[in-house]
Amino acid sequence: MESLEPRADLSAALVRHGFDPVAYCAPLSSKTLFQTKADLLRMFWRKVAVEAVSASGIALFAKFKVEPGAYLAVELRCASLGLSRTLLARVASIAPRTDEGWTTTCAFDDPSSFEKLNEER
């Protein structure tokens, strides 16, 4: 069984943007649950490995299955700067893997949110 440690072949985008290859996500029953910081504290966060990231979306390796169309709160971190931000993403596709996990591809709910995050760094 493969661990959730980052893969050596992470996308150039992840490295270029300076984010940690390990992130945390919480499945949401609807995007309206993502309103306040208190909402974020009540969520059940799970560790995932970031496999690719771009301005429009993110691909994650997860040990749990989330159906396409579901929303995820995805917390990206940049430990070197002490920065973490949570972005809303919608699951576009999932693919089972031979290592007992899922590749979960998501589109950011607000396409400009990732660019805004880069501007903060």
PDB file of N, CA and C in Angstrom:
ATOM      1  N   MET A   1       0.845  -1.179   0.000  1.00  0.00           N
ATOM      2  CA  MET A   1       0.000   0.000   0.000  1.00  0.00           C
ATOM      3  C   MET A   1       0.892   1.245   0.000  1.00  0.00           C
ATOM      4  N   GLU A   2       0.602   2.153  -0.908  1.00  0.00           N
ATOM      5  CA  GLU A   2       1.372   3.401  -1.013  1.00  0.00           C
ATOM      6  C   GLU A   2       0.935   4.362   0.086  1.00  0.00           C
ATOM      7  N   SER A   3       1.903   5.052   0.646  1.00  0.00           N
ATOM      8  CA  SER A   3       1.571   6.033   1.682  1.00  0.00           C
ATOM      9  C   SER A   3       1.099   7.326   1.025  1.00  0.00           C
ATOM     10  N   LEU A   4       0.700   8.269   1.849  1.00  0.00           N
ATOM     11  CA  LEU A   4       0.278   9.573   1.325  1.00  0.00           C
ATOM     12  C   LEU A   4       1.440  10.542   1.239  1.00  0.00           C
ATOM     13  N   GLU A   5       2.628  10.040   1.194  1.00  0.00           N
ATOM     14  CA  GLU A   5       3.779  10.912   1.022  1.00  0.00           C
ATOM     15  C   GLU A   5       3.806  11.391  -0.428  1.00  0.00           C
ATOM     16  N   PRO A   6       4.322  12.577  -0.664  1.00  0.00           N
ATOM     17  CA  PRO A   6       4.304  13.127  -2.021  1.00  0.00           C
ATOM     18  C   PRO A   6       5.139  12.297  -2.979  1.00  0.00           C
ATOM     19  N   ARG A   7       4.694  12.256  -4.221  1.00  0.00           N
ATOM     20  CA  ARG A   7       5.433  11.544  -5.253  1.00  0.00           C
ATOM     21  C   ARG A   7       6.580  12.410  -5.741  1.00  0.00           C
ATOM     22  N   ALA A   8       7.624  11.763  -6.214  1.00  0.00           N
ATOM     23  CA  ALA A   8       8.796  12.488  -6.696  1.00  0.00           C
ATOM     24  C   ALA A   8       8.503  13.229  -7.995  1.00  0.00           C
ATOM     25  N   ASP A   9       7.493  12.787  -8.732  1.00  0.00           N
ATOM     26  CA  ASP A   9       7.205  13.392 -10.032  1.00  0.00           C
ATOM     27  C   ASP A   9       6.049  14.392  -9.977  1.00  0.00           C
ATOM     28  N   LEU A  10       5.982  15.157  -8.893  1.00  0.00           N
ATOM     29  CA  LEU A  10       4.934  16.181  -8.793  1.00  0.00           C
ATOM     30  C   LEU A  10       5.029  17.140  -9.962  1.00  0.00           C
ATOM     31  N   SER A  11       3.898  17.722 -10.298  1.00  0.00           N
ATOM     32  CA  SER A  11       3.880  18.630 -11.444  1.00  0.00           C
ATOM     33  C   SER A  11       4.786  19.830 -11.207  1.00  0.00           C
ATOM     34  N   ALA A  12       5.288  20.370 -12.277  1.00  0.00           N
ATOM     35  CA  ALA A  12       6.136  21.558 -12.195  1.00  0.00           C
ATOM     36  C   ALA A  12       5.360  22.728 -11.605  1.00  0.00           C
ATOM     37  N   ALA A  13       4.054  22.737 -11.820  1.00  0.00           N
ATOM     38  CA  ALA A  13       3.236  23.840 -11.294  1.00  0.00           C
ATOM     39  C   ALA A  13       3.274  23.887  -9.775  1.00  0.00           C
ATOM     40  N   LEU A  14       3.186  22.735  -9.134  1.00  0.00           N
ATOM     41  CA  LEU A  14       3.197  22.705  -7.668  1.00  0.00           C
ATOM     42  C   LEU A  14       4.506  23.273  -7.134  1.00  0.00           C
ATOM     43  N   VAL A  15       5.602  22.843  -7.707  1.00  0.00           N
ATOM     44  CA  VAL A  15       6.913  23.327  -7.288  1.00  0.00           C
ATOM     45  C   VAL A  15       7.045  24.814  -7.597  1.00  0.00           C
ATOM     46  N   ARG A  16       6.604  25.202  -8.781  1.00  0.00           N
ATOM     47  CA  ARG A  16       6.703  26.601  -9.198  1.00  0.00           C
ATOM     48  C   ARG A  16       5.914  27.509  -8.262  1.00  0.00           C
ATOM     49  N   HIS A  17       4.748  27.058  -7.820  1.00  0.00           N
ATOM     50  CA  HIS A  17       3.920  27.871  -6.943  1.00  0.00           C
ATOM     51  C   HIS A  17       4.346  27.778  -5.482  1.00  0.00           C
ATOM     52  N   GLY A  18       5.254  26.847  -5.151  1.00  0.00           N
ATOM     53  CA  GLY A  18       5.826  26.799  -3.812  1.00  0.00           C
ATOM     54  C   GLY A  18       4.940  26.187  -2.730  1.00  0.00           C
ATOM     55  N   PHE A  19       3.956  25.397  -3.096  1.00  0.00           N
ATOM     56  CA  PHE A  19       3.079  24.797  -2.096  1.00  0.00           C
ATOM     57  C   PHE A  19       3.582  23.434  -1.664  1.00  0.00           C
ATOM     58  N   ASP A  20       3.218  23.058  -0.455  1.00  0.00           N
ATOM     59  CA  ASP A  20       3.598  21.767   0.075  1.00  0.00           C
ATOM     60  C   ASP A  20       2.872  20.666  -0.700  1.00  0.00           C
ATOM     61  N   PRO A  21       3.530  19.533  -0.927  1.00  0.00           N
ATOM     62  CA  PRO A  21       2.905  18.456  -1.692  1.00  0.00           C
ATOM     63  C   PRO A  21       1.868  17.654  -0.897  1.00  0.00           C
ATOM     64  N   VAL A  22       1.759  17.906   0.389  1.00  0.00           N
ATOM     65  CA  VAL A  22       0.726  17.270   1.209  1.00  0.00           C
ATOM     66  C   VAL A  22      -0.286  18.348   1.580  1.00  0.00           C
ATOM     67  N   ALA A  23      -1.557  18.031   1.413  1.00  0.00           N
ATOM     68  CA  ALA A  23      -2.627  18.985   1.721  1.00  0.00           C
ATOM     69  C   ALA A  23      -3.669  18.272   2.581  1.00  0.00           C
ATOM     70  N   TYR A  24      -4.693  18.987   2.930  1.00  0.00           N
ATOM     71  CA  TYR A  24      -5.801  18.425   3.702  1.00  0.00           C
ATOM     72  C   TYR A  24      -7.091  18.819   3.016  1.00  0.00           C
ATOM     73  N   CYS A  25      -8.055  17.909   3.021  1.00  0.00           N
ATOM     74  CA  CYS A  25      -9.340  18.256   2.430  1.00  0.00           C
ATOM     75  C   CYS A  25     -10.468  17.694   3.278  1.00  0.00           C
ATOM     76  N   ALA A  26     -11.613  18.318   3.132  1.00  0.00           N
ATOM     77  CA  ALA A  26     -12.815  17.907   3.853  1.00  0.00           C
ATOM     78  C   ALA A  26     -13.972  17.863   2.860  1.00  0.00           C
ATOM     79  N   PRO A  27     -14.610  16.702   2.735  1.00  0.00           N
ATOM     80  CA  PRO A  27     -15.788  16.626   1.871  1.00  0.00           C
ATOM     81  C   PRO A  27     -16.927  17.467   2.449  1.00  0.00           C
ATOM     82  N   LEU A  28     -17.654  18.139   1.571  1.00  0.00           N
ATOM     83  CA  LEU A  28     -18.780  18.981   1.972  1.00  0.00           C
ATOM     84  C   LEU A  28     -20.063  18.415   1.386  1.00  0.00           C
ATOM     85  N   SER A  29     -21.152  18.544   2.108  1.00  0.00           N
ATOM     86  CA  SER A  29     -22.429  18.097   1.552  1.00  0.00           C
ATOM     87  C   SER A  29     -22.985  19.122   0.564  1.00  0.00           C
ATOM     88  N   SER A  30     -22.550  20.368   0.699  1.00  0.00           N
ATOM     89  CA  SER A  30     -22.906  21.396  -0.279  1.00  0.00           C
ATOM     90  C   SER A  30     -21.921  22.550  -0.136  1.00  0.00           C
ATOM     91  N   LYS A  31     -21.820  23.369  -1.169  1.00  0.00           N
ATOM     92  CA  LYS A  31     -20.858  24.470  -1.093  1.00  0.00           C
ATOM     93  C   LYS A  31     -21.295  25.546  -0.107  1.00  0.00           C
ATOM     94  N   THR A  32     -22.537  25.539   0.319  1.00  0.00           N
ATOM     95  CA  THR A  32     -23.003  26.539   1.276  1.00  0.00           C
ATOM     96  C   THR A  32     -22.466  26.295   2.681  1.00  0.00           C
ATOM     97  N   LEU A  33     -21.889  25.119   2.920  1.00  0.00           N
ATOM     98  CA  LEU A  33     -21.319  24.841   4.240  1.00  0.00           C
ATOM     99  C   LEU A  33     -19.963  25.506   4.426  1.00  0.00           C
ATOM    100  N   PHE A  34     -19.478  26.139   3.413  1.00  0.00           N
ATOM    101  CA  PHE A  34     -18.144  26.730   3.409  1.00  0.00           C
ATOM    102  C   PHE A  34     -18.285  28.245   3.535  1.00  0.00           C
ATOM    103  N   GLN A  35     -18.810  28.706   4.678  1.00  0.00           N
ATOM    104  CA  GLN A  35     -19.126  30.111   4.830  1.00  0.00           C
ATOM    105  C   GLN A  35     -18.215  30.867   5.801  1.00  0.00           C
ATOM    106  N   THR A  36     -17.919  30.263   6.951  1.00  0.00           N
ATOM    107  CA  THR A  36     -17.165  30.976   7.987  1.00  0.00           C
ATOM    108  C   THR A  36     -16.000  30.137   8.479  1.00  0.00           C
ATOM    109  N   LYS A  37     -15.109  30.777   9.218  1.00  0.00           N
ATOM    110  CA  LYS A  37     -13.990  30.042   9.818  1.00  0.00           C
ATOM    111  C   LYS A  37     -14.491  28.984  10.789  1.00  0.00           C
ATOM    112  N   ALA A  38     -15.588  29.246  11.465  1.00  0.00           N
ATOM    113  CA  ALA A  38     -16.170  28.258  12.379  1.00  0.00           C
ATOM    114  C   ALA A  38     -16.605  27.013  11.607  1.00  0.00           C
ATOM    115  N   ASP A  39     -17.129  27.199  10.386  1.00  0.00           N
ATOM    116  CA  ASP A  39     -17.497  26.060   9.551  1.00  0.00           C
ATOM    117  C   ASP A  39     -16.275  25.189   9.269  1.00  0.00           C
ATOM    118  N   LEU A  40     -15.150  25.827   8.983  1.00  0.00           N
ATOM    119  CA  LEU A  40     -13.922  25.088   8.682  1.00  0.00           C
ATOM    120  C   LEU A  40     -13.464  24.251   9.867  1.00  0.00           C
ATOM    121  N   LEU A  41     -13.637  24.760  11.075  1.00  0.00           N
ATOM    122  CA  LEU A  41     -13.198  24.040  12.270  1.00  0.00           C
ATOM    123  C   LEU A  41     -14.043  22.800  12.535  1.00  0.00           C
ATOM    124  N   ARG A  42     -15.271  22.786  12.090  1.00  0.00           N
ATOM    125  CA  ARG A  42     -16.166  21.653  12.331  1.00  0.00           C
ATOM    126  C   ARG A  42     -15.993  20.524  11.322  1.00  0.00           C
ATOM    127  N   MET A  43     -15.255  20.743  10.274  1.00  0.00           N
ATOM    128  CA  MET A  43     -15.114  19.751   9.213  1.00  0.00           C
ATOM    129  C   MET A  43     -14.196  18.609   9.622  1.00  0.00           C
ATOM    130  N   PHE A  44     -14.394  17.470   8.974  1.00  0.00           N
ATOM    131  CA  PHE A  44     -13.539  16.304   9.178  1.00  0.00           C
ATOM    132  C   PHE A  44     -12.456  16.328   8.105  1.00  0.00           C
ATOM    133  N   TRP A  45     -11.259  16.756   8.486  1.00  0.00           N
ATOM    134  CA  TRP A  45     -10.153  16.937   7.545  1.00  0.00           C
ATOM    135  C   TRP A  45      -9.397  15.632   7.342  1.00  0.00           C
ATOM    136  N   ARG A  46      -9.002  15.372   6.093  1.00  0.00           N
ATOM    137  CA  ARG A  46      -8.246  14.173   5.744  1.00  0.00           C
ATOM    138  C   ARG A  46      -7.012  14.563   4.958  1.00  0.00           C
ATOM    139  N   LYS A  47      -5.940  13.846   5.214  1.00  0.00           N
ATOM    140  CA  LYS A  47      -4.677  14.095   4.529  1.00  0.00           C
ATOM    141  C   LYS A  47      -4.736  13.538   3.108  1.00  0.00           C
ATOM    142  N   VAL A  48      -4.233  14.316   2.159  1.00  0.00           N
ATOM    143  CA  VAL A  48      -4.152  13.914   0.754  1.00  0.00           C
ATOM    144  C   VAL A  48      -2.803  14.338   0.200  1.00  0.00           C
ATOM    145  N   ALA A  49      -2.405  13.732  -0.888  1.00  0.00           N
ATOM    146  CA  ALA A  49      -1.180  14.133  -1.582  1.00  0.00           C
ATOM    147  C   ALA A  49      -1.577  14.902  -2.835  1.00  0.00           C
ATOM    148  N   VAL A  50      -0.953  16.033  -3.041  1.00  0.00           N
ATOM    149  CA  VAL A  50      -1.219  16.834  -4.238  1.00  0.00           C
ATOM    150  C   VAL A  50      -0.375  16.267  -5.368  1.00  0.00           C
ATOM    151  N   GLU A  51      -1.031  15.906  -6.453  1.00  0.00           N
ATOM    152  CA  GLU A  51      -0.308  15.344  -7.600  1.00  0.00           C
ATOM    153  C   GLU A  51      -0.087  16.370  -8.696  1.00  0.00           C
ATOM    154  N   ALA A  52      -0.990  17.318  -8.804  1.00  0.00           N
ATOM    155  CA  ALA A  52      -0.857  18.383  -9.806  1.00  0.00           C
ATOM    156  C   ALA A  52      -1.735  19.542  -9.370  1.00  0.00           C
ATOM    157  N   VAL A  53      -1.341  20.735  -9.757  1.00  0.00           N
ATOM    158  CA  VAL A  53      -2.144  21.917  -9.446  1.00  0.00           C
ATOM    159  C   VAL A  53      -1.970  22.931 -10.568  1.00  0.00           C
ATOM    160  N   SER A  54      -3.042  23.642 -10.857  1.00  0.00           N
ATOM    161  CA  SER A  54      -2.994  24.697 -11.864  1.00  0.00           C
ATOM    162  C   SER A  54      -3.931  25.808 -11.412  1.00  0.00           C
ATOM    163  N   ALA A  55      -4.026  26.828 -12.200  1.00  0.00           N
ATOM    164  CA  ALA A  55      -4.915  27.928 -11.846  1.00  0.00           C
ATOM    165  C   ALA A  55      -6.374  27.488 -11.844  1.00  0.00           C
ATOM    166  N   SER A  56      -6.708  26.455 -12.581  1.00  0.00           N
ATOM    167  CA  SER A  56      -8.114  26.049 -12.689  1.00  0.00           C
ATOM    168  C   SER A  56      -8.505  24.866 -11.810  1.00  0.00           C
ATOM    169  N   GLY A  57      -7.529  24.096 -11.328  1.00  0.00           N
ATOM    170  CA  GLY A  57      -7.902  22.931 -10.534  1.00  0.00           C
ATOM    171  C   GLY A  57      -6.734  22.213  -9.898  1.00  0.00           C
ATOM    172  N   ILE A  58      -7.049  21.047  -9.327  1.00  0.00           N
ATOM    173  CA  ILE A  58      -6.067  20.297  -8.562  1.00  0.00           C
ATOM    174  C   ILE A  58      -6.361  18.801  -8.694  1.00  0.00           C
ATOM    175  N   ALA A  59      -5.316  17.997  -8.720  1.00  0.00           N
ATOM    176  CA  ALA A  59      -5.444  16.535  -8.708  1.00  0.00           C
ATOM    177  C   ALA A  59      -4.855  16.040  -7.396  1.00  0.00           C
ATOM    178  N   LEU A  60      -5.617  15.194  -6.709  1.00  0.00           N
ATOM    179  CA  LEU A  60      -5.232  14.704  -5.390  1.00  0.00           C
ATOM    180  C   LEU A  60      -5.178  13.185  -5.373  1.00  0.00           C
ATOM    181  N   PHE A  61      -4.265  12.628  -4.581  1.00  0.00           N
ATOM    182  CA  PHE A  61      -4.288  11.201  -4.277  1.00  0.00           C
ATOM    183  C   PHE A  61      -4.893  11.066  -2.891  1.00  0.00           C
ATOM    184  N   ALA A  62      -6.005  10.346  -2.814  1.00  0.00           N
ATOM    185  CA  ALA A  62      -6.710  10.193  -1.544  1.00  0.00           C
ATOM    186  C   ALA A  62      -6.972   8.718  -1.256  1.00  0.00           C
ATOM    187  N   LYS A  63      -7.041   8.378   0.009  1.00  0.00           N
ATOM    188  CA  LYS A  63      -7.364   7.021   0.438  1.00  0.00           C
ATOM    189  C   LYS A  63      -8.864   6.837   0.599  1.00  0.00           C
ATOM    190  N   PHE A  64      -9.644   7.814   0.198  1.00  0.00           N
ATOM    191  CA  PHE A  64     -11.093   7.745   0.314  1.00  0.00           C
ATOM    192  C   PHE A  64     -11.714   8.194  -1.006  1.00  0.00           C
ATOM    193  N   LYS A  65     -12.924   7.721  -1.262  1.00  0.00           N
ATOM    194  CA  LYS A  65     -13.615   8.019  -2.515  1.00  0.00           C
ATOM    195  C   LYS A  65     -14.613   9.152  -2.305  1.00  0.00           C
ATOM    196  N   VAL A  66     -14.586  10.096  -3.218  1.00  0.00           N
ATOM    197  CA  VAL A  66     -15.552  11.190  -3.239  1.00  0.00           C
ATOM    198  C   VAL A  66     -16.165  11.195  -4.635  1.00  0.00           C
ATOM    199  N   GLU A  67     -17.468  11.230  -4.706  1.00  0.00           N
ATOM    200  CA  GLU A  67     -18.156  11.149  -5.993  1.00  0.00           C
ATOM    201  C   GLU A  67     -18.012  12.443  -6.802  1.00  0.00           C
ATOM    202  N   PRO A  68     -17.945  12.314  -8.135  1.00  0.00           N
ATOM    203  CA  PRO A  68     -17.936  13.508  -8.987  1.00  0.00           C
ATOM    204  C   PRO A  68     -19.153  14.384  -8.691  1.00  0.00           C
ATOM    205  N   GLY A  69     -18.926  15.685  -8.698  1.00  0.00           N
ATOM    206  CA  GLY A  69     -19.976  16.641  -8.378  1.00  0.00           C
ATOM    207  C   GLY A  69     -19.941  17.100  -6.934  1.00  0.00           C
ATOM    208  N   ALA A  70     -19.287  16.329  -6.072  1.00  0.00           N
ATOM    209  CA  ALA A  70     -19.186  16.704  -4.652  1.00  0.00           C
ATOM    210  C   ALA A  70     -18.220  17.873  -4.493  1.00  0.00           C
ATOM    211  N   TYR A  71     -18.413  18.613  -3.427  1.00  0.00           N
ATOM    212  CA  TYR A  71     -17.515  19.722  -3.111  1.00  0.00           C
ATOM    213  C   TYR A  71     -16.510  19.292  -2.055  1.00  0.00           C
ATOM    214  N   LEU A  72     -15.295  19.837  -2.161  1.00  0.00           N
ATOM    215  CA  LEU A  72     -14.244  19.626  -1.169  1.00  0.00           C
ATOM    216  C   LEU A  72     -13.703  20.981  -0.740  1.00  0.00           C
ATOM    217  N   ALA A  73     -13.428  21.111   0.536  1.00  0.00           N
ATOM    218  CA  ALA A  73     -12.620  22.226   1.018  1.00  0.00           C
ATOM    219  C   ALA A  73     -11.193  21.702   0.988  1.00  0.00           C
ATOM    220  N   VAL A  74     -10.313  22.362   0.262  1.00  0.00           N
ATOM    221  CA  VAL A  74      -8.924  21.914   0.109  1.00  0.00           C
ATOM    222  C   VAL A  74      -8.006  22.956   0.732  1.00  0.00           C
ATOM    223  N   GLU A  75      -7.251  22.522   1.736  1.00  0.00           N
ATOM    224  CA  GLU A  75      -6.311  23.439   2.382  1.00  0.00           C
ATOM    225  C   GLU A  75      -4.921  23.226   1.794  1.00  0.00           C
ATOM    226  N   LEU A  76      -4.431  24.254   1.129  1.00  0.00           N
ATOM    227  CA  LEU A  76      -3.074  24.250   0.591  1.00  0.00           C
ATOM    228  C   LEU A  76      -2.174  24.995   1.567  1.00  0.00           C
ATOM    229  N   ARG A  77      -0.959  24.486   1.722  1.00  0.00           N
ATOM    230  CA  ARG A  77      -0.020  25.102   2.664  1.00  0.00           C
ATOM    231  C   ARG A  77       1.296  25.428   1.990  1.00  0.00           C
ATOM    232  N   CYS A  78       1.905  26.478   2.478  1.00  0.00           N
ATOM    233  CA  CYS A  78       3.258  26.846   2.085  1.00  0.00           C
ATOM    234  C   CYS A  78       4.018  27.023   3.405  1.00  0.00           C
ATOM    235  N   ALA A  79       4.585  25.928   3.890  1.00  0.00           N
ATOM    236  CA  ALA A  79       5.208  25.924   5.208  1.00  0.00           C
ATOM    237  C   ALA A  79       6.355  26.928   5.314  1.00  0.00           C
ATOM    238  N   SER A  80       7.082  27.115   4.229  1.00  0.00           N
ATOM    239  CA  SER A  80       8.228  28.021   4.287  1.00  0.00           C
ATOM    240  C   SER A  80       7.810  29.453   4.593  1.00  0.00           C
ATOM    241  N   LEU A  81       6.572  29.804   4.253  1.00  0.00           N
ATOM    242  CA  LEU A  81       6.063  31.151   4.528  1.00  0.00           C
ATOM    243  C   LEU A  81       5.051  31.172   5.664  1.00  0.00           C
ATOM    244  N   GLY A  82       4.741  30.006   6.214  1.00  0.00           N
ATOM    245  CA  GLY A  82       3.737  29.938   7.268  1.00  0.00           C
ATOM    246  C   GLY A  82       2.349  30.303   6.769  1.00  0.00           C
ATOM    247  N   LEU A  83       2.062  29.966   5.524  1.00  0.00           N
ATOM    248  CA  LEU A  83       0.804  30.339   4.882  1.00  0.00           C
ATOM    249  C   LEU A  83      -0.046  29.103   4.645  1.00  0.00           C
ATOM    250  N   SER A  84      -1.324  29.199   4.924  1.00  0.00           N
ATOM    251  CA  SER A  84      -2.271  28.160   4.513  1.00  0.00           C
ATOM    252  C   SER A  84      -3.579  28.830   4.126  1.00  0.00           C
ATOM    253  N   ARG A  85      -4.185  28.315   3.088  1.00  0.00           N
ATOM    254  CA  ARG A  85      -5.448  28.850   2.612  1.00  0.00           C
ATOM    255  C   ARG A  85      -6.342  27.697   2.195  1.00  0.00           C
ATOM    256  N   THR A  86      -7.619  27.875   2.404  1.00  0.00           N
ATOM    257  CA  THR A  86      -8.589  26.857   2.042  1.00  0.00           C
ATOM    258  C   THR A  86      -9.378  27.327   0.829  1.00  0.00           C
ATOM    259  N   LEU A  87      -9.396  26.483  -0.190  1.00  0.00           N
ATOM    260  CA  LEU A  87     -10.095  26.788  -1.431  1.00  0.00           C
ATOM    261  C   LEU A  87     -11.226  25.789  -1.628  1.00  0.00           C
ATOM    262  N   LEU A  88     -12.295  26.226  -2.240  1.00  0.00           N
ATOM    263  CA  LEU A  88     -13.423  25.363  -2.548  1.00  0.00           C
ATOM    264  C   LEU A  88     -13.211  24.754  -3.924  1.00  0.00           C
ATOM    265  N   ALA A  89     -13.379  23.436  -4.012  1.00  0.00           N
ATOM    266  CA  ALA A  89     -13.204  22.739  -5.285  1.00  0.00           C
ATOM    267  C   ALA A  89     -14.349  21.750  -5.480  1.00  0.00           C
ATOM    268  N   ARG A  90     -14.675  21.512  -6.735  1.00  0.00           N
ATOM    269  CA  ARG A  90     -15.720  20.534  -7.065  1.00  0.00           C
ATOM    270  C   ARG A  90     -15.077  19.363  -7.784  1.00  0.00           C
ATOM    271  N   VAL A  91     -15.400  18.155  -7.338  1.00  0.00           N
ATOM    272  CA  VAL A  91     -14.811  16.944  -7.921  1.00  0.00           C
ATOM    273  C   VAL A  91     -15.316  16.784  -9.353  1.00  0.00           C
ATOM    274  N   ALA A  92     -14.370  16.717 -10.292  1.00  0.00           N
ATOM    275  CA  ALA A  92     -14.705  16.549 -11.704  1.00  0.00           C
ATOM    276  C   ALA A  92     -14.666  15.079 -12.107  1.00  0.00           C
ATOM    277  N   SER A  93     -13.657  14.353 -11.605  1.00  0.00           N
ATOM    278  CA  SER A  93     -13.530  12.935 -11.947  1.00  0.00           C
ATOM    279  C   SER A  93     -12.749  12.208 -10.873  1.00  0.00           C
ATOM    280  N   ILE A  94     -12.948  10.899 -10.829  1.00  0.00           N
ATOM    281  CA  ILE A  94     -12.184  10.048  -9.927  1.00  0.00           C
ATOM    282  C   ILE A  94     -11.704   8.832 -10.711  1.00  0.00           C
ATOM    283  N   ALA A  95     -10.576   8.289 -10.295  1.00  0.00           N
ATOM    284  CA  ALA A  95     -10.049   7.087 -10.939  1.00  0.00           C
ATOM    285  C   ALA A  95      -9.431   6.202  -9.862  1.00  0.00           C
ATOM    286  N   PRO A  96      -9.863   4.934  -9.807  1.00  0.00           N
ATOM    287  CA  PRO A  96      -9.253   4.029  -8.828  1.00  0.00           C
ATOM    288  C   PRO A  96      -7.802   3.770  -9.188  1.00  0.00           C
ATOM    289  N   ARG A  97      -7.014   3.500  -8.163  1.00  0.00           N
ATOM    290  CA  ARG A  97      -5.596   3.199  -8.366  1.00  0.00           C
ATOM    291  C   ARG A  97      -5.295   1.825  -7.817  1.00  0.00           C
ATOM    292  N   THR A  98      -4.227   1.252  -8.271  1.00  0.00           N
ATOM    293  CA  THR A  98      -3.855  -0.084  -7.808  1.00  0.00           C
ATOM    294  C   THR A  98      -3.319  -0.062  -6.385  1.00  0.00           C
ATOM    295  N   ASP A  99      -3.003   1.102  -5.862  1.00  0.00           N
ATOM    296  CA  ASP A  99      -2.445   1.225  -4.515  1.00  0.00           C
ATOM    297  C   ASP A  99      -3.513   1.586  -3.480  1.00  0.00           C
ATOM    298  N   GLU A 100      -4.742   1.108  -3.699  1.00  0.00           N
ATOM    299  CA  GLU A 100      -5.837   1.266  -2.744  1.00  0.00           C
ATOM    300  C   GLU A 100      -6.215   2.716  -2.473  1.00  0.00           C
ATOM    301  N   GLY A 101      -6.157   3.512  -3.476  1.00  0.00           N
ATOM    302  CA  GLY A 101      -6.546   4.907  -3.336  1.00  0.00           C
ATOM    303  C   GLY A 101      -7.243   5.380  -4.594  1.00  0.00           C
ATOM    304  N   TRP A 102      -7.457   6.677  -4.650  1.00  0.00           N
ATOM    305  CA  TRP A 102      -8.170   7.304  -5.748  1.00  0.00           C
ATOM    306  C   TRP A 102      -7.431   8.542  -6.208  1.00  0.00           C
ATOM    307  N   THR A 103      -7.344   8.728  -7.511  1.00  0.00           N
ATOM    308  CA  THR A 103      -6.932  10.017  -8.044  1.00  0.00           C
ATOM    309  C   THR A 103      -8.213  10.818  -8.210  1.00  0.00           C
ATOM    310  N   THR A 104      -8.261  11.944  -7.525  1.00  0.00           N
ATOM    311  CA  THR A 104      -9.446  12.794  -7.506  1.00  0.00           C
ATOM    312  C   THR A 104      -9.085  14.115  -8.171  1.00  0.00           C
ATOM    313  N   THR A 105      -9.702  14.385  -9.302  1.00  0.00           N
ATOM    314  CA  THR A 105      -9.429  15.604 -10.051  1.00  0.00           C
ATOM    315  C   THR A 105     -10.554  16.604  -9.782  1.00  0.00           C
ATOM    316  N   CYS A 106     -10.178  17.814  -9.403  1.00  0.00           N
ATOM    317  CA  CYS A 106     -11.154  18.833  -9.006  1.00  0.00           C
ATOM    318  C   CYS A 106     -10.918  20.137  -9.757  1.00  0.00           C
ATOM    319  N   ALA A 107     -12.002  20.867  -9.941  1.00  0.00           N
ATOM    320  CA  ALA A 107     -11.930  22.221 -10.493  1.00  0.00           C
ATOM    321  C   ALA A 107     -12.193  23.199  -9.352  1.00  0.00           C
ATOM    322  N   PHE A 108     -11.398  24.253  -9.265  1.00  0.00           N
ATOM    323  CA  PHE A 108     -11.643  25.265  -8.246  1.00  0.00           C
ATOM    324  C   PHE A 108     -12.979  25.942  -8.536  1.00  0.00           C
ATOM    325  N   ASP A 109     -13.766  26.158  -7.497  1.00  0.00           N
ATOM    326  CA  ASP A 109     -15.080  26.770  -7.655  1.00  0.00           C
ATOM    327  C   ASP A 109     -14.960  28.199  -8.197  1.00  0.00           C
ATOM    328  N   ASP A 110     -13.961  28.911  -7.730  1.00  0.00           N
ATOM    329  CA  ASP A 110     -13.677  30.262  -8.219  1.00  0.00           C
ATOM    330  C   ASP A 110     -12.318  30.200  -8.920  1.00  0.00           C
ATOM    331  N   PRO A 111     -12.292  30.212 -10.247  1.00  0.00           N
ATOM    332  CA  PRO A 111     -11.034  30.068 -10.967  1.00  0.00           C
ATOM    333  C   PRO A 111      -9.968  31.095 -10.588  1.00  0.00           C
ATOM    334  N   SER A 112     -10.375  32.232 -10.067  1.00  0.00           N
ATOM    335  CA  SER A 112      -9.383  33.247  -9.699  1.00  0.00           C
ATOM    336  C   SER A 112      -8.819  33.029  -8.294  1.00  0.00           C
ATOM    337  N   SER A 113      -9.373  32.086  -7.535  1.00  0.00           N
ATOM    338  CA  SER A 113      -8.939  31.913  -6.144  1.00  0.00           C
ATOM    339  C   SER A 113      -7.487  31.463  -6.028  1.00  0.00           C
ATOM    340  N   PHE A 114      -7.041  30.601  -6.944  1.00  0.00           N
ATOM    341  CA  PHE A 114      -5.655  30.136  -6.882  1.00  0.00           C
ATOM    342  C   PHE A 114      -4.697  31.266  -7.231  1.00  0.00           C
ATOM    343  N   GLU A 115      -5.047  32.065  -8.206  1.00  0.00           N
ATOM    344  CA  GLU A 115      -4.201  33.207  -8.560  1.00  0.00           C
ATOM    345  C   GLU A 115      -4.141  34.224  -7.428  1.00  0.00           C
ATOM    346  N   LYS A 116      -5.265  34.447  -6.749  1.00  0.00           N
ATOM    347  CA  LYS A 116      -5.269  35.345  -5.603  1.00  0.00           C
ATOM    348  C   LYS A 116      -4.360  34.812  -4.506  1.00  0.00           C
ATOM    349  N   LEU A 117      -4.364  33.493  -4.333  1.00  0.00           N
ATOM    350  CA  LEU A 117      -3.512  32.861  -3.330  1.00  0.00           C
ATOM    351  C   LEU A 117      -2.041  33.103  -3.670  1.00  0.00           C
ATOM    352  N   ASN A 118      -1.679  32.980  -4.943  1.00  0.00           N
ATOM    353  CA  ASN A 118      -0.304  33.227  -5.364  1.00  0.00           C
ATOM    354  C   ASN A 118       0.113  34.668  -5.117  1.00  0.00           C
ATOM    355  N   GLU A 119      -0.826  35.592  -5.275  1.00  0.00           N
ATOM    356  CA  GLU A 119      -0.518  37.002  -5.061  1.00  0.00           C
ATOM    357  C   GLU A 119      -0.228  37.294  -3.589  1.00  0.00           C
ATOM    358  N   GLU A 120      -0.804  36.492  -2.687  1.00  0.00           N
ATOM    359  CA  GLU A 120      -0.597  36.698  -1.246  1.00  0.00           C
ATOM    360  C   GLU A 120       0.794  36.297  -0.799  1.00  0.00           C
ATOM    361  N   ARG A 121       1.433  35.398  -1.558  1.00  0.00           N
ATOM    362  CA  ARG A 121       2.733  34.875  -1.129  1.00  0.00           C
ATOM    363  C   ARG A 121       3.828  35.858  -1.366  1.00  0.00           C
TER     364      ARG A 121
END
